[in-house]
Amino acid sequence: MSSKRIYRCLVAIGSNLGDRGVYINAALAELEEISSFLMISNLYETAPVGTLGEQGKYLNLVALLMTSLNPDALIECLLDIEARNQRVRGEINAARTLDLDILYVYGVSSKTEKLMLPHPRMAERAFVIAPLLDVDPILAFSVSPKLADSIIRREKAIGSEVADGVVFLGHYLK
């Protein structure tokens, strides 16, 4: 009898080009085909970080999911989903229709050219920590205690800024 390993993962989903909501919904629909959602964070609108030119704001959320795909197979699927949704890779931090990142895979670490787990910059990014607080506050506080504390102290009201450049938009609705 063989048993497949099930991976519990956190995936960041963002879009700042075109109809952002359509791209977010497309990503979630495609992720649903390869995984089961345990939880989806609230939706946040965030200022672009590290960009070279003018860009629109991002819509961001984090999905906690379970999948039988190992992290290497999952990252390949995420890249394929981005490509099917007109993601063009080129300049670093360029505007994108869809940005999918594996933030964390519980019980797994990786340091390859293609995949670093946990995500090396997640602790620095308010646009990751804010939605991460919705789905796994213990992890959010463990990777970035000061930022998580700062965000949690700000009242979440629709349109309120919970961190510099990160605005709470409310519950995610398809």
C-alpha atoms as a PDB file:
ATOM      1  CA  MET A   1       0.000   0.000   0.000  1.00  0.00           C
ATOM      2  CA  SER A   2       1.487   3.337  -1.007  1.00  0.00           C
ATOM      3  CA  SER A   3       0.496   6.566   0.561  1.00  0.00           C
ATOM      4  CA  LYS A   4       1.072   9.992  -0.881  1.00  0.00           C
ATOM      5  CA  ARG A   5       2.460  12.702   1.299  1.00  0.00           C
ATOM      6  CA  ILE A   6       0.206  15.700   1.772  1.00  0.00           C
ATOM      7  CA  TYR A   7       1.875  19.091   2.019  1.00  0.00           C
ATOM      8  CA  ARG A   8       0.379  22.032   3.883  1.00  0.00           C
ATOM      9  CA  CYS A   9       1.502  25.225   2.150  1.00  0.00           C
ATOM     10  CA  LEU A  10       1.108  28.979   2.230  1.00  0.00           C
ATOM     11  CA  VAL A  11       0.903  30.612  -1.187  1.00  0.00           C
ATOM     12  CA  ALA A  12       0.949  34.377  -1.735  1.00  0.00           C
ATOM     13  CA  ILE A  13      -1.223  35.615  -4.598  1.00  0.00           C
ATOM     14  CA  GLY A  14      -0.905  39.105  -6.032  1.00  0.00           C
ATOM     15  CA  SER A  15      -1.822  41.129  -9.097  1.00  0.00           C
ATOM     16  CA  ASN A  16      -1.217  44.741 -10.130  1.00  0.00           C
ATOM     17  CA  LEU A  17      -1.799  44.749 -13.867  1.00  0.00           C
ATOM     18  CA  GLY A  18      -5.049  44.558 -15.802  1.00  0.00           C
ATOM     19  CA  ASP A  19      -8.225  43.367 -14.094  1.00  0.00           C
ATOM     20  CA  ARG A  20      -6.577  42.344 -10.828  1.00  0.00           C
ATOM     21  CA  GLY A  21      -9.663  40.642  -9.398  1.00  0.00           C
ATOM     22  CA  VAL A  22     -10.099  38.488 -12.495  1.00  0.00           C
ATOM     23  CA  TYR A  23      -6.485  37.316 -12.266  1.00  0.00           C
ATOM     24  CA  ILE A  24      -6.771  36.572  -8.535  1.00  0.00           C
ATOM     25  CA  ASN A  25      -9.958  34.559  -9.171  1.00  0.00           C
ATOM     26  CA  ALA A  26      -8.317  32.672 -12.043  1.00  0.00           C
ATOM     27  CA  ALA A  27      -5.360  31.754  -9.846  1.00  0.00           C
ATOM     28  CA  LEU A  28      -7.622  30.525  -7.062  1.00  0.00           C
ATOM     29  CA  ALA A  29      -9.700  28.468  -9.495  1.00  0.00           C
ATOM     30  CA  GLU A  30      -6.590  26.826 -10.928  1.00  0.00           C
ATOM     31  CA  LEU A  31      -5.127  26.230  -7.463  1.00  0.00           C
ATOM     32  CA  GLU A  32      -8.386  24.556  -6.476  1.00  0.00           C
ATOM     33  CA  GLU A  33      -7.743  21.957  -9.195  1.00  0.00           C
ATOM     34  CA  ILE A  34      -4.435  20.881  -7.616  1.00  0.00           C
ATOM     35  CA  SER A  35      -5.114  21.491  -3.928  1.00  0.00           C
ATOM     36  CA  SER A  36      -7.679  21.938  -1.189  1.00  0.00           C
ATOM     37  CA  PHE A  37      -8.024  25.312   0.470  1.00  0.00           C
ATOM     38  CA  LEU A  38      -7.950  25.329   4.227  1.00  0.00           C
ATOM     39  CA  MET A  39      -8.277  29.091   4.447  1.00  0.00           C
ATOM     40  CA  ILE A  40      -8.004  32.217   2.310  1.00  0.00           C
ATOM     41  CA  SER A  41      -6.954  35.485   3.914  1.00  0.00           C
ATOM     42  CA  ASN A  42      -8.713  38.786   3.688  1.00  0.00           C
ATOM     43  CA  LEU A  43      -7.933  40.896   0.637  1.00  0.00           C
ATOM     44  CA  TYR A  44      -5.434  43.751   0.821  1.00  0.00           C
ATOM     45  CA  GLU A  45      -4.452  46.494  -1.573  1.00  0.00           C
ATOM     46  CA  THR A  46      -0.774  47.316  -1.381  1.00  0.00           C
ATOM     47  CA  ALA A  47       1.708  49.729  -2.818  1.00  0.00           C
ATOM     48  CA  PRO A  48       4.329  48.141  -5.092  1.00  0.00           C
ATOM     49  CA  VAL A  49       7.692  47.485  -3.392  1.00  0.00           C
ATOM     50  CA  GLY A  50      11.101  47.861  -5.027  1.00  0.00           C
ATOM     51  CA  THR A  51       9.770  48.990  -8.405  1.00  0.00           C
ATOM     52  CA  LEU A  52      11.720  51.027 -10.907  1.00  0.00           C
ATOM     53  CA  GLY A  53       8.826  52.984 -12.411  1.00  0.00           C
ATOM     54  CA  GLU A  54       5.201  53.900 -11.858  1.00  0.00           C
ATOM     55  CA  GLN A  55       2.998  50.891 -11.203  1.00  0.00           C
ATOM     56  CA  GLY A  56      -0.527  50.282 -10.053  1.00  0.00           C
ATOM     57  CA  LYS A  57      -1.316  48.950  -6.614  1.00  0.00           C
ATOM     58  CA  TYR A  58      -1.441  45.245  -5.921  1.00  0.00           C
ATOM     59  CA  LEU A  59      -4.292  43.144  -4.705  1.00  0.00           C
ATOM     60  CA  ASN A  60      -2.790  40.580  -2.316  1.00  0.00           C
ATOM     61  CA  LEU A  61      -3.944  37.618  -0.303  1.00  0.00           C
ATOM     62  CA  VAL A  62      -2.494  34.426   1.140  1.00  0.00           C
ATOM     63  CA  ALA A  63      -3.992  30.959   0.723  1.00  0.00           C
ATOM     64  CA  LEU A  64      -3.384  28.135   3.159  1.00  0.00           C
ATOM     65  CA  LEU A  65      -3.765  24.931   1.183  1.00  0.00           C
ATOM     66  CA  MET A  66      -3.087  21.214   1.153  1.00  0.00           C
ATOM     67  CA  THR A  67      -1.703  19.438  -1.885  1.00  0.00           C
ATOM     68  CA  SER A  68      -0.119  16.135  -2.829  1.00  0.00           C
ATOM     69  CA  LEU A  69       2.364  18.030  -5.018  1.00  0.00           C
ATOM     70  CA  ASN A  70       5.824  18.303  -3.528  1.00  0.00           C
ATOM     71  CA  PRO A  71       7.220  21.854  -3.362  1.00  0.00           C
ATOM     72  CA  ASP A  72       9.232  21.490  -6.603  1.00  0.00           C
ATOM     73  CA  ALA A  73       6.161  20.286  -8.490  1.00  0.00           C
ATOM     74  CA  LEU A  74       4.022  22.995  -6.874  1.00  0.00           C
ATOM     75  CA  ILE A  75       6.354  25.810  -7.946  1.00  0.00           C
ATOM     76  CA  GLU A  76       6.247  24.469 -11.517  1.00  0.00           C
ATOM     77  CA  CYS A  77       2.430  24.513 -11.384  1.00  0.00           C
ATOM     78  CA  LEU A  78       2.464  28.076 -10.034  1.00  0.00           C
ATOM     79  CA  LEU A  79       4.743  29.207 -12.855  1.00  0.00           C
ATOM     80  CA  ASP A  80       2.400  27.548 -15.374  1.00  0.00           C
ATOM     81  CA  ILE A  81      -0.630  29.264 -13.807  1.00  0.00           C
ATOM     82  CA  GLU A  82       1.160  32.622 -14.044  1.00  0.00           C
ATOM     83  CA  ALA A  83       2.013  32.005 -17.708  1.00  0.00           C
ATOM     84  CA  ARG A  84      -1.569  31.019 -18.569  1.00  0.00           C
ATOM     85  CA  ASN A  85      -2.632  34.335 -17.038  1.00  0.00           C
ATOM     86  CA  GLN A  86      -0.337  36.462 -19.225  1.00  0.00           C
ATOM     87  CA  ARG A  87       2.455  36.855 -16.661  1.00  0.00           C
ATOM     88  CA  VAL A  88       5.501  38.109 -18.526  1.00  0.00           C
ATOM     89  CA  ARG A  89       8.825  37.505 -16.827  1.00  0.00           C
ATOM     90  CA  GLY A  90      11.553  39.987 -17.532  1.00  0.00           C
ATOM     91  CA  GLU A  91      12.563  42.905 -15.409  1.00  0.00           C
ATOM     92  CA  ILE A  92      12.657  42.188 -11.677  1.00  0.00           C
ATOM     93  CA  ASN A  93       9.731  43.773  -9.787  1.00  0.00           C
ATOM     94  CA  ALA A  94       7.965  44.715 -13.021  1.00  0.00           C
ATOM     95  CA  ALA A  95       4.172  45.035 -13.016  1.00  0.00           C
ATOM     96  CA  ARG A  96       2.468  41.663 -13.363  1.00  0.00           C
ATOM     97  CA  THR A  97      -0.925  40.235 -14.050  1.00  0.00           C
ATOM     98  CA  LEU A  98      -0.268  37.515 -11.511  1.00  0.00           C
ATOM     99  CA  ASP A  99       2.409  36.766  -8.946  1.00  0.00           C
ATOM    100  CA  LEU A 100       2.316  33.433  -7.125  1.00  0.00           C
ATOM    101  CA  ASP A 101       4.896  32.623  -4.460  1.00  0.00           C
ATOM    102  CA  ILE A 102       5.249  29.688  -2.124  1.00  0.00           C
ATOM    103  CA  LEU A 103       5.885  31.348   1.214  1.00  0.00           C
ATOM    104  CA  TYR A 104       6.082  28.328   3.453  1.00  0.00           C
ATOM    105  CA  VAL A 105       5.650  24.574   3.369  1.00  0.00           C
ATOM    106  CA  TYR A 106       5.149  23.166   6.843  1.00  0.00           C
ATOM    107  CA  GLY A 107       7.979  20.802   7.773  1.00  0.00           C
ATOM    108  CA  VAL A 108      10.004  21.503   4.625  1.00  0.00           C
ATOM    109  CA  SER A 109      12.953  23.736   3.872  1.00  0.00           C
ATOM    110  CA  SER A 110      14.616  24.228   0.513  1.00  0.00           C
ATOM    111  CA  LYS A 111      17.602  26.145  -0.800  1.00  0.00           C
ATOM    112  CA  THR A 112      17.734  25.540  -4.520  1.00  0.00           C
ATOM    113  CA  GLU A 113      18.092  28.000  -7.374  1.00  0.00           C
ATOM    114  CA  LYS A 114      14.394  27.651  -8.164  1.00  0.00           C
ATOM    115  CA  LEU A 115      12.910  27.495  -4.665  1.00  0.00           C
ATOM    116  CA  MET A 116      13.908  28.820  -1.270  1.00  0.00           C
ATOM    117  CA  LEU A 117      11.724  27.837   1.678  1.00  0.00           C
ATOM    118  CA  PRO A 118      10.720  29.550   3.790  1.00  0.00           C
ATOM    119  CA  HIS A 119      10.489  32.453   1.345  1.00  0.00           C
ATOM    120  CA  PRO A 120      13.605  34.533   2.104  1.00  0.00           C
ATOM    121  CA  ARG A 121      11.904  37.947   2.136  1.00  0.00           C
ATOM    122  CA  MET A 122       8.491  37.194   3.644  1.00  0.00           C
ATOM    123  CA  ALA A 123       9.455  38.580   7.078  1.00  0.00           C
ATOM    124  CA  GLU A 124      10.265  41.977   5.539  1.00  0.00           C
ATOM    125  CA  ARG A 125       7.033  42.435   3.614  1.00  0.00           C
ATOM    126  CA  ALA A 126       3.954  43.935   5.235  1.00  0.00           C
ATOM    127  CA  PHE A 127       1.927  42.864   2.182  1.00  0.00           C
ATOM    128  CA  VAL A 128       2.740  39.253   3.151  1.00  0.00           C
ATOM    129  CA  ILE A 129       2.546  39.531   6.936  1.00  0.00           C
ATOM    130  CA  ALA A 130      -0.889  41.250   6.953  1.00  0.00           C
ATOM    131  CA  PRO A 131      -2.694  38.415   5.099  1.00  0.00           C
ATOM    132  CA  LEU A 132      -0.527  35.818   6.833  1.00  0.00           C
ATOM    133  CA  LEU A 133      -1.905  37.061  10.159  1.00  0.00           C
ATOM    134  CA  ASP A 134      -5.361  36.063   8.891  1.00  0.00           C
ATOM    135  CA  VAL A 135      -4.445  32.447   8.132  1.00  0.00           C
ATOM    136  CA  ASP A 136      -1.572  31.628  10.511  1.00  0.00           C
ATOM    137  CA  PRO A 137      -0.936  34.308  13.134  1.00  0.00           C
ATOM    138  CA  ILE A 138       1.519  32.108  15.044  1.00  0.00           C
ATOM    139  CA  LEU A 139       3.757  31.803  11.985  1.00  0.00           C
ATOM    140  CA  ALA A 140       3.387  35.525  11.216  1.00  0.00           C
ATOM    141  CA  PHE A 141       4.548  36.420  14.721  1.00  0.00           C
ATOM    142  CA  SER A 142       7.384  33.890  14.624  1.00  0.00           C
ATOM    143  CA  VAL A 143       8.864  35.176  11.331  1.00  0.00           C
ATOM    144  CA  SER A 144       8.292  38.895  11.904  1.00  0.00           C
ATOM    145  CA  PRO A 145       7.243  39.739  15.479  1.00  0.00           C
ATOM    146  CA  LYS A 146       7.616  43.533  15.273  1.00  0.00           C
ATOM    147  CA  LEU A 147       5.819  43.885  11.945  1.00  0.00           C
ATOM    148  CA  ALA A 148       3.067  41.460  12.976  1.00  0.00           C
ATOM    149  CA  ASP A 149       2.580  43.320  16.257  1.00  0.00           C
ATOM    150  CA  SER A 150       2.427  46.657  14.438  1.00  0.00           C
ATOM    151  CA  ILE A 151      -0.193  45.351  12.006  1.00  0.00           C
ATOM    152  CA  ILE A 152      -2.312  43.618  14.630  1.00  0.00           C
ATOM    153  CA  ARG A 153      -2.481  46.818  16.709  1.00  0.00           C
ATOM    154  CA  ARG A 154      -4.095  48.726  13.856  1.00  0.00           C
ATOM    155  CA  GLU A 155      -7.860  48.392  13.708  1.00  0.00           C
ATOM    156  CA  LYS A 156      -9.072  46.528  10.629  1.00  0.00           C
ATOM    157  CA  ALA A 157     -11.834  48.563   9.074  1.00  0.00           C
ATOM    158  CA  ILE A 158     -12.568  48.553   5.346  1.00  0.00           C
ATOM    159  CA  GLY A 159     -10.201  51.013   3.699  1.00  0.00           C
ATOM    160  CA  SER A 160      -7.946  51.273   6.753  1.00  0.00           C
ATOM    161  CA  GLU A 161      -4.204  51.144   6.375  1.00  0.00           C
ATOM    162  CA  VAL A 162      -2.920  48.257   8.516  1.00  0.00           C
ATOM    163  CA  ALA A 163       0.723  48.844   7.594  1.00  0.00           C
ATOM    164  CA  ASP A 164       2.608  51.354   5.505  1.00  0.00           C
ATOM    165  CA  GLY A 165       1.062  51.026   2.061  1.00  0.00           C
ATOM    166  CA  VAL A 166      -1.138  48.029   2.999  1.00  0.00           C
ATOM    167  CA  VAL A 167      -4.888  48.717   3.020  1.00  0.00           C
ATOM    168  CA  PHE A 168      -7.458  46.242   4.340  1.00  0.00           C
ATOM    169  CA  LEU A 169     -10.211  45.674   1.737  1.00  0.00           C
ATOM    170  CA  GLY A 170     -12.232  43.084   3.628  1.00  0.00           C
ATOM    171  CA  HIS A 171     -13.116  39.462   3.197  1.00  0.00           C
ATOM    172  CA  TYR A 172     -12.192  37.855  -0.087  1.00  0.00           C
ATOM    173  CA  LEU A 173     -15.251  37.273  -2.243  1.00  0.00           C
ATOM    174  CA  LYS A 174     -15.127  35.568  -5.629  1.00  0.00           C
END
